[in-house]
Amino acid sequence: FNQNSRNFGVFTRYYFFPNRFKIFPHLDYQRTWATLKSQALFGSSNEQNTEAWLSNIGVGATYFLNSSIGIEALLSYQLLGQNAMQNRNGLGVQIGFQIYFGKNKAE
């Protein structure tokens, strides 16, 4: 198997509260294009192209350990579309560790 994929995405957030704990609304959109090639042991091959999009809208919270590192949780409603035939949606929960570049040190 050999898979090549390209992904493009944008997101926006706005953080509320002037302390270490911040709440934010979140909106994002991602687009993916992929090609999967397979080669069987005795010569037959197959190539499949696929594309998908993903969009999230939600609310999250970040606790900043210092001015540029935070622990984050996000609850979002996800919409997924794939190959213009399959559409899925549902709730998603993400928990992570974030590093923020260029954050204002005065906050």
C-alpha atoms as a PDB file:
ATOM      1  CA  PHE A   1       0.000   0.000   0.000  1.00  0.00           C
ATOM      2  CA  ASN A   2       1.076   3.565  -0.698  1.00  0.00           C
ATOM      3  CA  GLN A   3      -0.999   6.551   0.414  1.00  0.00           C
ATOM      4  CA  ASN A   4      -0.472  10.232  -0.359  1.00  0.00           C
ATOM      5  CA  SER A   5      -2.673  12.870   1.206  1.00  0.00           C
ATOM      6  CA  ARG A   6      -2.943  16.644   1.296  1.00  0.00           C
ATOM      7  CA  ASN A   7      -4.798  18.545   3.975  1.00  0.00           C
ATOM      8  CA  PHE A   8      -5.779  22.195   4.314  1.00  0.00           C
ATOM      9  CA  GLY A   9      -7.574  23.728   7.260  1.00  0.00           C
ATOM     10  CA  VAL A  10      -8.452  27.000   8.956  1.00  0.00           C
ATOM     11  CA  PHE A  11      -9.866  27.751  12.392  1.00  0.00           C
ATOM     12  CA  THR A  12     -10.803  30.704  14.536  1.00  0.00           C
ATOM     13  CA  ARG A  13     -11.108  31.254  18.292  1.00  0.00           C
ATOM     14  CA  TYR A  14     -11.592  34.143  20.670  1.00  0.00           C
ATOM     15  CA  TYR A  15     -10.455  33.772  24.289  1.00  0.00           C
ATOM     16  CA  PHE A  16     -12.482  35.327  27.118  1.00  0.00           C
ATOM     17  CA  PHE A  17     -11.334  36.270  30.654  1.00  0.00           C
ATOM     18  CA  PRO A  18      -8.042  38.005  31.574  1.00  0.00           C
ATOM     19  CA  ASN A  19      -6.618  35.254  33.806  1.00  0.00           C
ATOM     20  CA  ARG A  20      -5.022  31.799  33.391  1.00  0.00           C
ATOM     21  CA  PHE A  21      -8.378  30.070  32.768  1.00  0.00           C
ATOM     22  CA  LYS A  22     -10.012  31.043  29.462  1.00  0.00           C
ATOM     23  CA  ILE A  23     -13.199  30.009  27.645  1.00  0.00           C
ATOM     24  CA  PHE A  24     -13.409  30.178  23.845  1.00  0.00           C
ATOM     25  CA  PRO A  25     -15.818  29.543  20.973  1.00  0.00           C
ATOM     26  CA  HIS A  26     -14.229  27.446  18.204  1.00  0.00           C
ATOM     27  CA  LEU A  27     -15.000  27.134  14.481  1.00  0.00           C
ATOM     28  CA  ASP A  28     -12.928  25.206  11.920  1.00  0.00           C
ATOM     29  CA  TYR A  29     -12.991  23.754   8.419  1.00  0.00           C
ATOM     30  CA  GLN A  30     -10.628  21.138   6.982  1.00  0.00           C
ATOM     31  CA  ARG A  31     -10.350  19.625   3.515  1.00  0.00           C
ATOM     32  CA  THR A  32      -8.412  16.443   2.637  1.00  0.00           C
ATOM     33  CA  TRP A  33      -7.499  14.853  -0.705  1.00  0.00           C
ATOM     34  CA  ALA A  34      -5.932  11.376  -0.708  1.00  0.00           C
ATOM     35  CA  THR A  35      -4.747   8.727  -3.172  1.00  0.00           C
ATOM     36  CA  LEU A  36      -4.379   5.108  -2.083  1.00  0.00           C
ATOM     37  CA  LYS A  37      -2.428   2.739  -4.341  1.00  0.00           C
ATOM     38  CA  SER A  38      -2.219  -0.991  -3.716  1.00  0.00           C
ATOM     39  CA  GLN A  39      -0.144  -3.622  -5.481  1.00  0.00           C
ATOM     40  CA  ALA A  40      -0.969  -7.317  -5.118  1.00  0.00           C
ATOM     41  CA  LEU A  41       1.752  -9.925  -4.875  1.00  0.00           C
ATOM     42  CA  PHE A  42       1.066 -11.275  -8.373  1.00  0.00           C
ATOM     43  CA  GLY A  43       0.747  -8.041 -10.320  1.00  0.00           C
ATOM     44  CA  SER A  44      -2.782  -6.650 -10.029  1.00  0.00           C
ATOM     45  CA  SER A  45      -2.963  -3.082  -8.797  1.00  0.00           C
ATOM     46  CA  ASN A  46      -5.623  -0.660  -7.692  1.00  0.00           C
ATOM     47  CA  GLU A  47      -5.729   3.123  -7.241  1.00  0.00           C
ATOM     48  CA  GLN A  48      -8.437   4.949  -5.309  1.00  0.00           C
ATOM     49  CA  ASN A  49      -8.877   8.713  -4.968  1.00  0.00           C
ATOM     50  CA  THR A  50     -10.902  10.175  -2.143  1.00  0.00           C
ATOM     51  CA  GLU A  51     -11.678  13.577  -0.729  1.00  0.00           C
ATOM     52  CA  ALA A  52     -13.335  14.633   2.492  1.00  0.00           C
ATOM     53  CA  TRP A  53     -14.191  17.735   4.482  1.00  0.00           C
ATOM     54  CA  LEU A  54     -14.634  18.203   8.200  1.00  0.00           C
ATOM     55  CA  SER A  55     -16.171  21.129  10.043  1.00  0.00           C
ATOM     56  CA  ASN A  56     -16.418  21.689  13.812  1.00  0.00           C
ATOM     57  CA  ILE A  57     -18.296  24.238  15.866  1.00  0.00           C
ATOM     58  CA  GLY A  58     -17.929  24.171  19.616  1.00  0.00           C
ATOM     59  CA  VAL A  59     -16.817  25.642  22.900  1.00  0.00           C
ATOM     60  CA  GLY A  60     -13.661  24.964  24.842  1.00  0.00           C
ATOM     61  CA  ALA A  61     -11.578  25.914  27.845  1.00  0.00           C
ATOM     62  CA  THR A  62      -7.838  26.374  28.307  1.00  0.00           C
ATOM     63  CA  TYR A  63      -5.828  26.542  31.515  1.00  0.00           C
ATOM     64  CA  PHE A  64      -2.525  28.328  30.838  1.00  0.00           C
ATOM     65  CA  LEU A  65       0.462  26.907  32.736  1.00  0.00           C
ATOM     66  CA  ASN A  66       2.487  29.948  31.646  1.00  0.00           C
ATOM     67  CA  SER A  67       2.199  32.625  28.940  1.00  0.00           C
ATOM     68  CA  SER A  68       2.479  30.166  26.023  1.00  0.00           C
ATOM     69  CA  ILE A  69       1.584  26.624  27.226  1.00  0.00           C
ATOM     70  CA  GLY A  70      -1.936  25.460  27.997  1.00  0.00           C
ATOM     71  CA  ILE A  71      -3.995  22.375  28.747  1.00  0.00           C
ATOM     72  CA  GLU A  72      -7.135  22.430  26.658  1.00  0.00           C
ATOM     73  CA  ALA A  73     -10.524  20.724  26.330  1.00  0.00           C
ATOM     74  CA  LEU A  74     -12.966  21.197  23.435  1.00  0.00           C
ATOM     75  CA  LEU A  75     -16.545  19.987  23.008  1.00  0.00           C
ATOM     76  CA  SER A  76     -17.730  20.325  19.431  1.00  0.00           C
ATOM     77  CA  TYR A  77     -20.366  19.269  16.938  1.00  0.00           C
ATOM     78  CA  GLN A  78     -18.641  17.707  13.931  1.00  0.00           C
ATOM     79  CA  LEU A  79     -19.873  17.477  10.355  1.00  0.00           C
ATOM     80  CA  LEU A  80     -17.972  15.089   8.037  1.00  0.00           C
ATOM     81  CA  GLY A  81     -18.529  14.711   4.306  1.00  0.00           C
ATOM     82  CA  GLN A  82     -16.697  12.166   2.191  1.00  0.00           C
ATOM     83  CA  ASN A  83     -16.752  11.584  -1.585  1.00  0.00           C
ATOM     84  CA  ALA A  84     -20.011  13.580  -1.912  1.00  0.00           C
ATOM     85  CA  MET A  85     -21.896  10.408  -0.873  1.00  0.00           C
ATOM     86  CA  GLN A  86     -21.268   9.771   2.810  1.00  0.00           C
ATOM     87  CA  ASN A  87     -22.100  12.396   5.401  1.00  0.00           C
ATOM     88  CA  ARG A  88     -21.652  11.880   9.124  1.00  0.00           C
ATOM     89  CA  ASN A  89     -22.084  14.114  12.116  1.00  0.00           C
ATOM     90  CA  GLY A  90     -21.905  13.886  15.873  1.00  0.00           C
ATOM     91  CA  LEU A  91     -20.390  15.221  19.073  1.00  0.00           C
ATOM     92  CA  GLY A  92     -16.651  15.223  19.597  1.00  0.00           C
ATOM     93  CA  VAL A  93     -14.462  15.739  22.647  1.00  0.00           C
ATOM     94  CA  GLN A  94     -10.806  16.702  22.388  1.00  0.00           C
ATOM     95  CA  ILE A  95      -8.308  17.073  25.208  1.00  0.00           C
ATOM     96  CA  GLY A  96      -4.785  18.276  24.543  1.00  0.00           C
ATOM     97  CA  PHE A  97      -1.642  20.124  25.361  1.00  0.00           C
ATOM     98  CA  GLN A  98      -1.125  23.326  23.336  1.00  0.00           C
ATOM     99  CA  ILE A  99       1.855  25.559  22.650  1.00  0.00           C
ATOM    100  CA  TYR A 100       0.932  29.081  21.526  1.00  0.00           C
ATOM    101  CA  PHE A 101       3.428  31.106  19.475  1.00  0.00           C
ATOM    102  CA  GLY A 102       3.248  34.906  19.421  1.00  0.00           C
ATOM    103  CA  LYS A 103       0.898  35.173  22.398  1.00  0.00           C
ATOM    104  CA  ASN A 104       0.754  38.578  24.080  1.00  0.00           C
ATOM    105  CA  LYS A 105       2.911  38.396  27.248  1.00  0.00           C
ATOM    106  CA  ALA A 106       0.846  41.113  29.003  1.00  0.00           C
ATOM    107  CA  GLU A 107      -2.154  38.767  29.480  1.00  0.00           C
END
